[in-house]
Amino acid sequence: MVKTKTNKEFLSAFDRDKLFKFQGEEFLFVLVGYPDLRAYLISRKHDMRIEVCPEINVITRKIDLTEQTGKVIVQHCDQSKEKLNATEKLIVEPDFEKEKAFFDTIPSKIVETAGRFSNSHWEIIRACGIFGLNFDKLINSNSALAYILVSMKIFNPSFTLYNDLSYMNDLITIKQKEILEKALFPGTERMVKIFKKFDSKILDVEILLLLRSSLGTNRITREEILQILSHSTNINKEMLTLLGNDPALIKLMTSNAVQDLAKSKSFKSDLEKLMEIHNLSAKWNIKVAEIDNLERIDKVKQNLLDKVDKKREEQNKFPPPPIPGNEYIAALKDGLDQSYWAKRQGNCIRGYSSSVKAGRKYFYKVIYGGEEATLEINISGKKIQRGDLLGTRNVVVTKELKGV
């Protein structure tokens, strides 16, 4: 059996001048500079190491040392090798000189390339080191595909990025549609052209995952989204947020209004109003007029609220009472009255609203001499019959109230 290398033996394979060790209570955080570009958490007590992908920023030249997430533990124990899925959190002492020295190992051209993206700098730099000029060309021609490729473990955990470098070079150079297929996007030339429009600064894994989910909703929604993206000259983060988070909202607007919303300074508040319009429209089954410009959002919302109020009033309204009331007995003429009286009396008559609307029952409130009660009337065709007369919490009423 081959003996697993100890941590000391393992690290000796790297150039000592490019090893940067940050001190933690239980672990060392070790960075290996470019071109190797590796990072490990190394246990102080055991021959155990975890390879990690740290968050770095080549613009600010900062390394996130507050929390590192490990994927695989390689443990040296009785000449055996054990692999475990694990998540480790580590707080290590910052060392600004070592951070500076680490970033100094990265060539300025690659720093410039990675700096075009707002995140995933570690993954971008590593891919630049492995795939070289071909990957640089992909970034320049379609930065979104390059970003998806280096983030593939998130889009498709079953895909291993660096196992077959020959196939990876084919993906980068001549099989770019397959990058989308592997990431579970529609693998079409149309999608490749759409992604070409995405500026590298707006790329974000969470937003792209939401967009992918929206594209998979149904064929009609997918085509509507693709139409908007195909005809958009400027695709920004707000556009992707709209299409990813709330694809149903595009059905409320014309294509021009969607474009205007994505560029609007009041994007967030307008989006909240549109979400309210969509939810109310769906809940109350009320169609709204198509919004052709953003100035109409408030008017459409108010018109919808008016219709909801009217519909709510109609739903609460009961048929005319079968018998008239008097100074002691009053009909409960709508759902609000009935609900209020049920709560006050502590009974269950609010559950009979559908029976009242169907003309099978009616309820009256009775107040006499400080005593309160609920009177039930049963209706069958033209036949009207008195039902229960019960007081608060369905207690028996006094003879005096019965006589009313």
Protein backbone atom coordinates (compact mmCIF):
# COMPACT_ATOMS: atom_id res chain seq x y z
CA MET A 1 0.00 0.00 0.00
CA VAL A 2 1.32 3.43 -0.95
CA LYS A 3 1.94 5.61 2.07
CA THR A 4 0.09 8.93 2.05
CA LYS A 5 2.40 11.90 2.17
CA THR A 6 2.59 13.80 5.40
CA ASN A 7 1.69 17.49 5.29
CA LYS A 8 5.38 18.41 5.39
CA GLU A 9 6.18 16.08 2.52
CA PHE A 10 3.17 17.30 0.57
CA LEU A 11 4.10 21.00 0.84
CA SER A 12 7.74 20.33 -0.05
CA ALA A 13 6.62 19.77 -3.65
CA PHE A 14 5.89 23.50 -4.01
CA ASP A 15 8.35 26.38 -4.38
CA ARG A 16 9.09 27.61 -0.84
CA ASP A 17 9.12 31.22 -2.07
CA LYS A 18 5.49 30.83 -3.12
CA LEU A 19 4.20 29.23 0.08
CA PHE A 20 2.34 31.64 2.37
CA LYS A 21 1.23 30.38 5.80
CA PHE A 22 -1.40 32.17 7.88
CA GLN A 23 -1.70 31.22 11.53
CA GLY A 24 -4.93 29.92 13.10
CA GLU A 25 -5.70 28.33 16.46
CA GLU A 26 -6.22 24.79 15.17
CA PHE A 27 -5.22 25.07 11.51
CA LEU A 28 -2.70 26.70 9.27
CA PHE A 29 -4.12 28.34 6.16
CA VAL A 30 -1.56 27.78 3.39
CA LEU A 31 -1.64 29.58 0.05
CA VAL A 32 0.46 28.48 -2.90
CA GLY A 33 1.13 31.36 -5.29
CA TYR A 34 0.71 31.48 -9.06
CA PRO A 35 0.96 29.46 -11.28
CA ASP A 36 0.14 26.53 -8.92
CA LEU A 37 -2.54 28.57 -7.13
CA ARG A 38 -3.70 26.16 -4.44
CA ALA A 39 -4.99 26.67 -0.91
CA TYR A 40 -5.12 24.30 2.06
CA LEU A 41 -6.22 24.16 5.65
CA ILE A 42 -3.65 22.09 7.54
CA SER A 43 -4.31 20.69 10.99
CA ARG A 44 -1.82 21.52 13.72
CA LYS A 45 -2.59 18.28 15.60
CA HIS A 46 -3.01 15.69 12.84
CA ASP A 47 -1.67 14.92 9.40
CA MET A 48 -4.83 16.21 7.84
CA ARG A 49 -5.36 18.79 5.12
CA ILE A 50 -8.33 20.27 3.33
CA GLU A 51 -8.08 21.87 -0.10
CA VAL A 52 -10.19 25.01 -0.32
CA CYS A 53 -11.15 27.70 -2.85
CA PRO A 54 -10.75 30.99 -0.99
CA GLU A 55 -12.47 34.23 -1.86
CA ILE A 56 -9.89 36.68 -3.15
CA ASN A 57 -10.16 40.09 -4.78
CA VAL A 58 -7.35 41.12 -7.10
CA ILE A 59 -8.55 44.75 -7.19
CA THR A 60 -8.48 45.30 -3.42
CA ARG A 61 -5.74 42.65 -3.01
CA LYS A 62 -7.63 41.09 -0.13
CA ILE A 63 -8.10 37.46 0.92
CA ASP A 64 -11.17 36.44 2.92
CA LEU A 65 -9.57 34.78 5.94
CA THR A 66 -12.69 34.66 8.12
CA GLU A 67 -14.23 31.47 6.76
CA GLN A 68 -12.86 28.77 4.50
CA THR A 69 -14.96 25.87 3.26
CA GLY A 70 -13.24 22.54 2.68
CA LYS A 71 -14.40 19.99 0.13
CA VAL A 72 -12.18 16.98 0.79
CA ILE A 73 -10.12 15.96 3.80
CA VAL A 74 -7.03 13.89 3.07
CA GLN A 75 -6.05 12.20 6.31
CA HIS A 76 -2.79 10.42 7.10
CA CYS A 77 -3.66 7.70 9.60
CA ASP A 78 -1.98 4.29 10.01
CA GLN A 79 -0.62 4.44 6.44
CA SER A 80 -4.14 4.79 5.04
CA LYS A 81 -5.88 7.48 3.04
CA GLU A 82 -9.39 8.50 3.99
CA LYS A 83 -11.59 10.96 2.06
CA LEU A 84 -14.53 12.66 3.71
CA ASN A 85 -16.91 15.42 2.67
CA ALA A 86 -16.54 18.19 5.21
CA THR A 87 -17.07 21.84 5.91
CA GLU A 88 -14.56 23.61 8.10
CA LYS A 89 -14.68 27.16 9.40
CA LEU A 90 -11.44 28.86 10.20
CA ILE A 91 -10.49 32.24 11.58
CA VAL A 92 -6.82 33.02 10.97
CA GLU A 93 -4.64 35.97 11.77
CA PRO A 94 -4.26 38.41 8.87
CA ASP A 95 -0.77 39.08 7.59
CA PHE A 96 -0.75 41.97 5.14
CA GLU A 97 2.84 41.38 4.04
CA LYS A 98 2.06 37.78 3.09
CA GLU A 99 -1.13 38.82 1.33
CA LYS A 100 0.85 41.37 -0.70
CA ALA A 101 3.53 38.80 -1.52
CA PHE A 102 0.88 36.30 -2.63
CA PHE A 103 -0.76 38.77 -5.02
CA ASP A 104 2.65 39.76 -6.35
CA THR A 105 3.05 36.20 -7.72
CA ILE A 106 0.12 36.76 -10.12
CA PRO A 107 1.09 38.34 -13.48
CA SER A 108 -0.38 41.80 -14.04
CA LYS A 109 -2.15 40.75 -17.26
CA ILE A 110 -4.00 37.98 -15.43
CA VAL A 111 -4.83 40.36 -12.58
CA GLU A 112 -6.35 42.68 -15.17
CA THR A 113 -8.34 39.81 -16.71
CA ALA A 114 -9.73 38.58 -13.38
CA GLY A 115 -10.48 42.15 -12.31
CA ARG A 116 -13.01 42.44 -15.10
CA PHE A 117 -15.29 40.20 -13.01
CA SER A 118 -16.89 41.24 -9.72
CA ASN A 119 -16.26 37.85 -8.08
CA SER A 120 -14.76 34.36 -8.61
CA HIS A 121 -11.26 35.79 -9.07
CA TRP A 122 -9.59 32.64 -7.68
CA GLU A 123 -11.37 30.40 -10.20
CA ILE A 124 -10.69 32.79 -13.11
CA ILE A 125 -6.95 33.03 -12.32
CA ARG A 126 -6.60 29.26 -11.96
CA ALA A 127 -8.28 28.68 -15.33
CA CYS A 128 -6.02 31.29 -16.93
CA GLY A 129 -3.00 29.41 -15.60
CA ILE A 130 -4.20 26.02 -16.84
CA PHE A 131 -5.80 26.87 -20.21
CA GLY A 132 -3.74 29.92 -21.11
CA LEU A 133 -4.44 31.81 -24.32
CA ASN A 134 -7.55 29.81 -25.25
CA PHE A 135 -9.30 30.75 -22.01
CA ASP A 136 -8.22 34.38 -22.42
CA LYS A 137 -9.80 34.39 -25.88
CA LEU A 138 -13.04 32.98 -24.45
CA ILE A 139 -13.17 35.72 -21.82
CA ASN A 140 -12.73 38.35 -24.52
CA SER A 141 -15.34 36.84 -26.84
CA ASN A 142 -17.93 35.58 -24.32
CA SER A 143 -17.09 36.35 -20.69
CA ALA A 144 -20.35 34.79 -19.46
CA LEU A 145 -19.41 31.37 -20.87
CA ALA A 146 -15.97 31.65 -19.26
CA TYR A 147 -17.60 32.54 -15.93
CA ILE A 148 -20.06 29.65 -16.15
CA LEU A 149 -17.24 27.26 -17.03
CA VAL A 150 -15.12 28.07 -13.97
CA SER A 151 -18.27 27.98 -11.77
CA MET A 152 -19.40 24.65 -13.22
CA LYS A 153 -19.22 22.80 -9.88
CA ILE A 154 -22.16 24.99 -8.74
CA PHE A 155 -24.20 24.72 -11.94
CA ASN A 156 -23.58 20.99 -12.32
CA PRO A 157 -21.87 19.28 -9.36
CA SER A 158 -21.48 16.05 -11.35
CA PHE A 159 -19.11 17.75 -13.80
CA THR A 160 -15.40 17.78 -12.91
CA LEU A 161 -13.65 20.75 -14.47
CA TYR A 162 -10.01 19.66 -14.73
CA ASN A 163 -10.22 15.89 -15.27
CA ASP A 164 -9.93 15.95 -19.08
CA LEU A 165 -7.94 18.98 -20.22
CA SER A 166 -8.22 18.04 -23.90
CA TYR A 167 -12.02 18.02 -23.72
CA MET A 168 -11.97 21.25 -21.72
CA ASN A 169 -9.95 22.94 -24.46
CA ASP A 170 -12.52 21.72 -27.01
CA LEU A 171 -15.31 23.25 -24.90
CA ILE A 172 -13.45 26.54 -24.74
CA THR A 173 -12.60 26.73 -28.45
CA ILE A 174 -15.08 24.82 -30.63
CA LYS A 175 -17.86 23.36 -28.44
CA GLN A 176 -19.12 26.42 -26.60
CA LYS A 177 -22.77 25.32 -26.80
CA GLU A 178 -21.79 22.31 -24.71
CA ILE A 179 -20.65 24.62 -21.90
CA LEU A 180 -24.27 25.72 -21.61
CA GLU A 181 -25.52 22.14 -21.86
CA LYS A 182 -23.18 21.00 -19.10
CA ALA A 183 -24.40 23.91 -16.94
CA LEU A 184 -28.01 22.81 -17.68
CA PHE A 185 -28.89 25.88 -19.75
CA PRO A 186 -30.44 25.53 -23.23
CA GLY A 187 -27.45 24.48 -25.34
CA THR A 188 -28.21 26.49 -28.47
CA GLU A 189 -26.36 28.95 -30.66
CA ARG A 190 -29.05 31.48 -29.77
CA MET A 191 -28.12 31.21 -26.09
CA VAL A 192 -24.43 31.56 -26.91
CA LYS A 193 -25.18 34.84 -28.73
CA ILE A 194 -27.36 36.07 -25.86
CA PHE A 195 -24.64 35.38 -23.30
CA LYS A 196 -22.18 37.37 -25.41
CA LYS A 197 -24.18 40.47 -24.41
CA PHE A 198 -23.57 39.96 -20.68
CA ASP A 199 -20.95 42.30 -19.30
CA SER A 200 -18.48 40.51 -17.02
CA LYS A 201 -19.23 42.86 -14.11
CA ILE A 202 -22.89 41.78 -13.85
CA LEU A 203 -22.13 38.06 -13.67
CA ASP A 204 -23.22 36.41 -10.44
CA VAL A 205 -23.82 32.72 -9.78
CA GLU A 206 -27.07 33.21 -7.84
CA ILE A 207 -28.63 35.42 -10.54
CA LEU A 208 -27.61 33.00 -13.30
CA LEU A 209 -29.10 30.07 -11.36
CA LEU A 210 -32.38 31.98 -11.07
CA LEU A 211 -32.30 32.78 -14.79
CA ARG A 212 -31.71 29.11 -15.56
CA SER A 213 -34.67 28.19 -13.38
CA SER A 214 -36.90 30.71 -15.17
CA LEU A 215 -35.84 29.36 -18.57
CA GLY A 216 -36.93 25.92 -17.42
CA THR A 217 -40.38 27.02 -16.24
CA ASN A 218 -42.26 26.26 -19.47
CA ARG A 219 -41.84 26.69 -23.21
CA ILE A 220 -43.91 29.88 -23.45
CA THR A 221 -42.11 31.64 -20.59
CA ARG A 222 -38.74 30.53 -21.95
CA GLU A 223 -39.51 32.00 -25.37
CA GLU A 224 -40.72 35.27 -23.85
CA ILE A 225 -37.49 35.58 -21.85
CA LEU A 226 -35.34 34.73 -24.87
CA GLN A 227 -37.19 37.27 -27.02
CA ILE A 228 -36.49 40.02 -24.47
CA LEU A 229 -32.82 39.07 -24.13
CA SER A 230 -32.36 38.69 -27.89
CA HIS A 231 -33.70 42.19 -28.57
CA SER A 232 -31.95 43.89 -25.65
CA THR A 233 -28.97 46.02 -26.56
CA ASN A 234 -27.98 46.53 -22.93
CA ILE A 235 -28.46 43.65 -20.49
CA ASN A 236 -27.77 44.78 -16.94
CA LYS A 237 -28.05 43.17 -13.50
CA GLU A 238 -31.56 44.57 -13.00
CA MET A 239 -32.73 42.88 -16.20
CA LEU A 240 -31.37 39.52 -15.03
CA THR A 241 -32.88 40.05 -11.59
CA LEU A 242 -36.29 40.70 -13.15
CA LEU A 243 -36.15 37.70 -15.48
CA GLY A 244 -34.63 35.40 -12.88
CA ASN A 245 -36.68 36.29 -9.80
CA ASP A 246 -40.01 37.28 -11.29
CA PRO A 247 -40.45 36.04 -14.88
CA ALA A 248 -44.25 36.25 -14.50
CA LEU A 249 -43.97 40.04 -14.30
CA ILE A 250 -42.95 40.34 -17.94
CA LYS A 251 -46.47 39.25 -18.88
CA LEU A 252 -47.76 42.49 -17.32
CA MET A 253 -45.61 44.72 -19.54
CA THR A 254 -44.74 45.42 -23.14
CA SER A 255 -41.20 44.63 -24.24
CA ASN A 256 -40.32 48.35 -24.23
CA ALA A 257 -41.62 48.72 -20.67
CA VAL A 258 -39.44 45.79 -19.57
CA GLN A 259 -36.41 47.50 -21.08
CA ASP A 260 -37.32 50.79 -19.37
CA LEU A 261 -37.79 49.07 -16.01
CA ALA A 262 -34.33 47.50 -16.17
CA LYS A 263 -32.82 50.98 -16.68
CA SER A 264 -35.06 52.77 -14.18
CA LYS A 265 -33.61 54.56 -11.15
CA SER A 266 -36.70 53.45 -9.24
CA PHE A 267 -36.22 49.80 -10.27
CA LYS A 268 -36.62 48.35 -6.78
CA SER A 269 -39.81 50.22 -5.86
CA ASP A 270 -41.35 49.67 -9.32
CA LEU A 271 -40.54 45.96 -9.06
CA GLU A 272 -42.31 45.77 -5.68
CA LYS A 273 -45.40 47.46 -7.14
CA LEU A 274 -45.44 45.09 -10.11
CA MET A 275 -45.12 42.12 -7.77
CA GLU A 276 -48.12 43.38 -5.79
CA ILE A 277 -50.09 43.84 -9.01
CA HIS A 278 -49.21 40.32 -10.14
CA ASN A 279 -50.13 38.71 -6.80
CA LEU A 280 -53.44 40.58 -6.46
CA SER A 281 -54.35 39.88 -10.07
CA ALA A 282 -53.72 36.16 -9.61
CA LYS A 283 -55.43 35.95 -6.21
CA TRP A 284 -58.62 37.71 -7.31
CA ASN A 285 -58.58 36.48 -10.93
CA ILE A 286 -58.70 40.03 -12.29
CA LYS A 287 -57.02 40.89 -15.57
CA VAL A 288 -55.07 44.13 -15.71
CA ALA A 289 -54.27 46.38 -18.63
CA GLU A 290 -50.86 45.85 -20.20
CA ILE A 291 -48.32 48.37 -18.93
CA ASP A 292 -46.65 50.12 -21.85
CA ASN A 293 -44.70 52.66 -19.81
CA LEU A 294 -43.56 52.92 -16.21
CA GLU A 295 -45.69 56.00 -15.49
CA ARG A 296 -48.80 53.80 -15.72
CA ILE A 297 -47.74 51.41 -12.93
CA ASP A 298 -49.39 53.44 -10.16
CA LYS A 299 -52.59 53.92 -12.18
CA VAL A 300 -52.83 50.21 -13.02
CA LYS A 301 -52.22 49.32 -9.40
CA GLN A 302 -54.93 51.72 -8.14
CA ASN A 303 -57.45 50.47 -10.72
CA LEU A 304 -56.73 46.92 -9.60
CA LEU A 305 -57.15 47.81 -5.92
CA ASP A 306 -60.53 49.42 -6.72
CA LYS A 307 -61.65 46.27 -8.52
CA VAL A 308 -60.43 44.08 -5.65
CA ASP A 309 -62.40 46.20 -3.15
CA LYS A 310 -65.52 45.89 -5.31
CA LYS A 311 -65.08 42.15 -5.72
CA ARG A 312 -64.42 41.71 -2.01
CA GLU A 313 -67.60 43.65 -1.25
CA GLU A 314 -69.58 41.51 -3.69
CA GLN A 315 -68.20 38.34 -2.15
CA ASN A 316 -69.12 39.51 1.34
CA LYS A 317 -72.62 40.57 0.34
CA PHE A 318 -75.49 38.21 1.22
CA PRO A 319 -78.96 37.88 -0.39
CA PRO A 320 -81.82 39.94 1.15
CA PRO A 321 -82.90 38.56 4.57
CA PRO A 322 -85.92 36.23 4.41
CA ILE A 323 -87.75 37.96 7.28
CA PRO A 324 -87.56 41.55 8.51
CA GLY A 325 -85.90 42.46 11.79
CA ASN A 326 -87.07 44.80 14.55
CA GLU A 327 -85.51 46.93 17.26
CA TYR A 328 -84.08 43.81 18.99
CA ILE A 329 -83.36 41.56 16.02
CA ALA A 330 -81.09 42.55 13.10
CA ALA A 331 -80.06 40.50 10.05
CA LEU A 332 -76.36 39.86 9.46
CA LYS A 333 -76.36 41.09 5.84
CA ASP A 334 -72.79 40.41 4.74
CA GLY A 335 -69.74 38.31 5.51
CA LEU A 336 -68.05 41.03 7.55
CA ASP A 337 -71.09 41.40 9.83
CA GLN A 338 -71.38 37.66 10.23
CA SER A 339 -67.65 37.21 10.94
CA TYR A 340 -67.66 40.01 13.53
CA TRP A 341 -70.74 38.62 15.30
CA ALA A 342 -69.35 35.06 15.27
CA LYS A 343 -66.17 36.30 16.95
CA ARG A 344 -68.13 38.32 19.50
CA GLN A 345 -70.47 35.42 20.28
CA GLY A 346 -67.76 32.76 20.21
CA ASN A 347 -69.69 30.54 17.80
CA CYS A 348 -69.06 29.01 14.37
CA ILE A 349 -71.60 30.78 12.13
CA ARG A 350 -68.84 32.33 9.98
CA GLY A 351 -68.38 28.84 8.53
CA TYR A 352 -71.89 29.00 7.04
CA SER A 353 -71.29 31.94 4.67
CA SER A 354 -71.64 29.70 1.60
CA SER A 355 -74.97 28.36 2.91
CA VAL A 356 -76.23 31.92 3.38
CA LYS A 357 -75.15 32.91 -0.14
CA ALA A 358 -76.85 29.79 -1.51
CA GLY A 359 -80.11 30.80 0.19
CA ARG A 360 -80.24 27.84 2.61
CA LYS A 361 -79.63 29.73 5.86
CA TYR A 362 -79.65 33.19 7.39
CA PHE A 363 -78.45 34.51 10.74
CA TYR A 364 -79.63 37.35 12.94
CA LYS A 365 -78.15 39.00 15.98
CA VAL A 366 -80.49 39.39 18.92
CA ILE A 367 -79.92 41.92 21.73
CA TYR A 368 -82.45 42.28 24.53
CA GLY A 369 -82.04 43.55 28.07
CA GLY A 370 -78.24 43.36 27.88
CA GLU A 371 -78.37 39.74 26.71
CA GLU A 372 -77.01 38.79 23.32
CA ALA A 373 -77.76 35.79 21.11
CA THR A 374 -77.66 34.43 17.57
CA LEU A 375 -80.79 33.34 15.71
CA GLU A 376 -80.57 30.79 12.90
CA ILE A 377 -83.15 30.67 10.10
CA ASN A 378 -83.31 27.63 7.80
CA ILE A 379 -84.68 28.05 4.27
CA SER A 380 -85.92 25.32 1.94
CA GLY A 381 -87.52 26.70 -1.19
CA LYS A 382 -90.31 28.96 0.02
CA LYS A 383 -90.37 27.33 3.44
CA ILE A 384 -88.76 29.33 6.27
CA GLN A 385 -88.13 27.67 9.61
CA ARG A 386 -86.56 28.91 12.81
CA GLY A 387 -83.40 27.07 13.83
CA ASP A 388 -81.25 27.50 16.93
CA LEU A 389 -81.42 30.52 19.20
CA LEU A 390 -78.29 30.42 21.33
CA GLY A 391 -76.44 32.89 23.51
CA THR A 392 -72.74 33.64 23.82
CA ARG A 393 -70.66 30.45 23.39
CA ASN A 394 -73.89 28.61 22.49
CA VAL A 395 -75.44 28.77 25.96
CA VAL A 396 -79.22 28.50 26.41
CA VAL A 397 -80.91 31.92 26.38
CA THR A 398 -83.37 33.25 28.99
CA LYS A 399 -87.14 33.01 28.63
CA GLU A 400 -87.29 36.77 28.27
CA LEU A 401 -85.05 36.76 25.18
CA LYS A 402 -86.92 33.79 23.72
CA GLY A 403 -90.11 35.81 23.97
CA VAL A 404 -88.70 38.56 21.74
